[in-house]
Protein backbone atom coordinates (compact mmCIF):
# COMPACT_ATOMS: atom_id res chain seq x y z
CA MET A 1 31.37 238.82 111.41
CA ARG A 2 30.59 236.75 108.01
CA PHE A 3 33.78 235.43 108.37
CA ARG A 4 33.11 234.28 111.76
CA CYS A 5 29.56 232.76 111.04
CA ALA A 6 30.48 230.73 107.81
CA TRP A 7 33.10 228.89 109.88
CA ALA A 8 31.61 228.58 113.02
CA PRO A 9 29.16 225.87 112.06
CA CYS A 10 32.10 224.25 109.90
CA LEU A 11 34.61 224.26 113.27
CA PHE A 12 31.80 222.67 115.18
CA VAL A 13 30.82 219.86 112.87
CA ILE A 14 34.49 218.98 112.12
CA HIS A 15 35.04 218.79 116.13
CA GLY A 16 32.46 216.95 116.58
CA ALA A 17 33.55 213.95 113.96
CA PHE A 18 37.09 213.93 116.01
CA ALA A 19 35.03 214.00 119.41
CA GLN A 20 32.84 211.35 118.53
CA GLU A 21 35.37 208.76 116.82
CA GLY A 22 37.83 209.43 120.38
CA THR A 23 34.35 208.30 121.83
CA ASP A 24 33.92 204.79 120.21
CA GLN A 25 38.26 203.97 120.29
CA LEU A 26 37.92 204.80 124.13
CA LYS A 27 35.04 202.39 124.19
CA SER A 28 36.65 200.01 122.39
CA ASN A 29 39.95 200.47 124.74
CA SER A 30 37.31 200.10 127.48
CA ASP A 31 35.79 197.19 126.34
CA LYS A 32 39.65 195.29 125.69
CA ALA A 33 40.48 195.97 129.16
CA GLN A 34 37.35 194.64 130.78
CA GLN A 35 38.17 191.40 128.68
CA VAL A 36 41.43 191.27 129.83
CA PHE A 37 40.06 192.07 133.93
CA GLU A 38 37.62 189.40 133.81
CA ASN A 39 39.79 186.72 132.18
CA THR A 40 42.97 187.15 134.74
CA ILE A 41 41.75 188.51 137.62
CA ALA A 42 38.04 188.35 138.11
CA LYS A 43 38.15 184.14 136.71
CA PRO A 44 40.81 183.16 139.65
CA ALA A 45 39.30 184.64 142.24
CA ALA A 46 35.90 183.38 141.59
CA LEU A 47 36.99 180.11 141.46
CA GLU A 48 38.79 180.67 144.35
CA GLN A 49 37.38 178.05 147.19
CA VAL A 50 35.71 180.25 150.19
CA PRO A 51 36.75 178.36 153.17
CA LYS A 52 34.10 176.45 154.86
CA GLU A 53 34.29 177.27 159.05
CA GLU A 54 31.40 176.07 161.32
CA LEU A 55 31.96 176.90 164.72
CA PRO A 56 31.35 174.26 167.56
CA VAL A 57 27.85 173.71 168.29
CA TYR A 58 26.50 172.30 171.78
CA PRO A 59 24.15 168.89 171.73
CA GLY A 60 20.91 170.12 171.18
CA GLY A 61 22.15 173.60 170.27
CA GLU A 62 22.12 176.95 171.92
CA THR A 63 19.04 176.08 174.07
CA ALA A 64 20.09 173.05 175.14
CA LEU A 65 23.65 174.83 176.73
CA TYR A 66 21.98 177.54 178.81
CA ALA A 67 18.96 175.13 179.32
CA PHE A 68 22.30 172.84 180.57
CA ILE A 69 23.84 175.54 182.73
CA SER A 70 20.47 176.70 184.08
CA LYS A 71 19.85 172.85 185.48
CA GLU A 72 23.51 172.95 186.54
CA THR A 73 24.39 175.94 188.39
CA ILE A 74 24.43 176.11 191.78
CA TYR A 75 23.84 179.70 193.40
CA PRO A 76 26.34 179.84 195.46
CA GLU A 77 24.39 180.08 199.26
CA GLU A 78 26.60 183.08 200.47
CA ALA A 79 26.02 184.83 197.76
CA ARG A 80 22.61 184.71 197.74
CA GLU A 81 22.52 185.76 201.41
CA GLN A 82 24.70 189.03 200.64
CA GLY A 83 22.38 189.58 197.42
CA ILE A 84 25.12 189.67 195.17
CA THR A 85 24.40 188.90 191.64
CA GLY A 86 26.07 189.46 188.17
CA LYS A 87 26.77 188.43 185.28
CA VAL A 88 30.26 186.40 184.95
CA PHE A 89 32.26 185.93 181.14
CA VAL A 90 33.97 182.19 181.06
CA GLN A 91 36.20 181.55 177.88
CA PHE A 92 37.21 177.93 177.11
CA ILE A 93 38.44 176.24 174.43
CA VAL A 94 36.38 173.42 172.17
CA GLU A 95 38.90 171.11 171.20
CA LYS A 96 39.27 168.73 167.92
CA ASP A 97 37.22 165.60 169.94
CA GLY A 98 34.27 168.24 171.15
CA ARG A 99 36.60 168.32 174.73
CA VAL A 100 35.91 172.05 176.73
CA ASP A 101 39.80 173.30 177.73
CA SER A 102 41.41 175.91 179.27
CA VAL A 103 38.38 177.66 181.29
CA TRP A 104 39.46 180.77 182.14
CA LEU A 105 37.74 184.38 183.08
CA LYS A 106 37.10 187.05 180.55
CA ARG A 107 35.22 189.20 183.17
CA SER A 108 34.80 188.19 186.39
CA ALA A 109 31.05 189.48 188.68
CA HIS A 110 32.27 188.32 191.85
CA PRO A 111 34.28 185.05 193.19
CA LEU A 112 31.71 183.39 194.70
CA LEU A 113 29.96 183.61 191.62
CA ASP A 114 33.27 183.19 188.90
CA ALA A 115 33.95 179.83 190.86
CA GLU A 116 30.21 178.40 190.10
CA ALA A 117 30.51 179.70 186.69
CA LEU A 118 33.79 178.23 186.11
CA ARG A 119 33.09 174.80 187.63
CA VAL A 120 29.46 174.24 185.54
CA VAL A 121 31.39 175.44 181.86
CA GLN A 122 34.20 172.71 182.75
CA LEU A 123 30.84 169.86 183.05
CA ALA A 124 30.30 171.07 179.48
CA ASP A 125 31.88 168.41 177.86
CA GLY A 126 30.52 166.63 174.77
CA TRP A 127 30.95 169.40 172.11
CA LYS A 128 30.39 168.78 168.45
CA PRO A 129 33.49 170.50 167.26
CA ALA A 130 34.28 173.35 164.97
CA THR A 131 35.55 172.97 161.26
CA GLN A 132 37.23 174.01 159.05
CA ASN A 133 37.75 172.28 155.48
CA ASP A 134 35.62 169.44 157.04
CA LYS A 135 38.69 169.49 159.17
CA PRO A 136 37.74 169.50 163.31
CA VAL A 137 39.81 172.52 164.42
CA ARG A 138 40.41 173.93 168.39
CA VAL A 139 38.30 176.81 169.24
CA GLN A 140 37.83 179.51 171.08
CA TYR A 141 34.52 180.43 172.75
CA MET A 142 33.19 182.95 175.27
CA LEU A 143 30.09 182.33 177.13
CA PRO A 144 28.25 184.46 179.77
CA ILE A 145 26.64 183.68 182.44
CA SER A 146 24.32 185.58 184.47
CA PHE A 147 23.63 185.06 188.01
CA THR A 148 20.41 186.87 189.27
CA MET A 149 17.33 186.71 191.64
CA PRO A 150 13.62 187.99 192.06
CA ALA A 151 13.44 192.38 193.08
CA GLU A 152 11.06 190.97 195.93
CA ASP A 153 14.27 188.70 197.28
CA LEU A 154 16.84 191.23 196.70
CA GLU A 155 14.98 193.91 198.36
CA LYS A 156 13.90 191.19 201.60
CA ILE A 157 17.76 190.91 201.81
CA ARG A 158 18.68 194.50 201.81
CA LYS A 159 16.21 194.56 204.57
CA LYS A 160 17.75 191.68 206.96
CA ALA A 161 21.51 193.69 205.77
CA ALA A 162 19.32 197.24 207.07
CA LYS A 163 18.14 195.59 210.39
CA ARG A 164 21.26 194.04 210.85
CA ALA A 165 23.39 197.81 210.29
CA ALA A 166 20.53 198.43 213.03
CA LYS A 167 21.54 197.06 215.40
CA ALA A 168 25.19 196.78 215.11
CA LYS A 169 25.05 200.34 215.07
CA LYS A 170 23.06 200.28 218.82
CA ASP A 171 25.22 197.77 220.32
C-alpha cells in the first residue's frame, strides 16, 4: 500500500506536466490555423462586394401607387350590382426604362374584377427601374388589388337578390 501512495502523486505530477505541454502545443497550432484562415479565406470574402440591388419604385412610393390604383380603378357596374368582391393578384415586368410590360394574372377573383385590375396596372408607367450594381434591370413585380364594398351595400344587394329569387319562384 505504501508503494502505491508514494508513486501516485508522482504519476499525477508527471501526467499533469505532459497535459500542460500538449495544451500549449494545441493552443499554438490553433492560433496558427486562425491566422491562416484569416489571411486566406476570411479576408478575400470580406473584400468581395455584395451586389447592390434596388427594387423598382413607383413615383412617390408605395403610397402614391395605391393612391393611383384607387383613383383609376372603376368598380365594374355589373360586379357591383351582383355584390362581387375579391382580391386580384397582378404580375408584370418593370422594364429598364420604367415602363410596365407583360401584365398577367397571378390569381383571379372574378373575370369582371380581373379585367379592371389588368387595365389599371397597364396604366401605371413611369416607374424608377430596379438596379443591380447601379445598372437598370428588368424585374417582375406582383401587386394585389382589392375590390371591396361597404357591408351595408352588400347587405342591400343580397336582399334585392333574395327578393328577385322569391319573385321568380312565384312566377
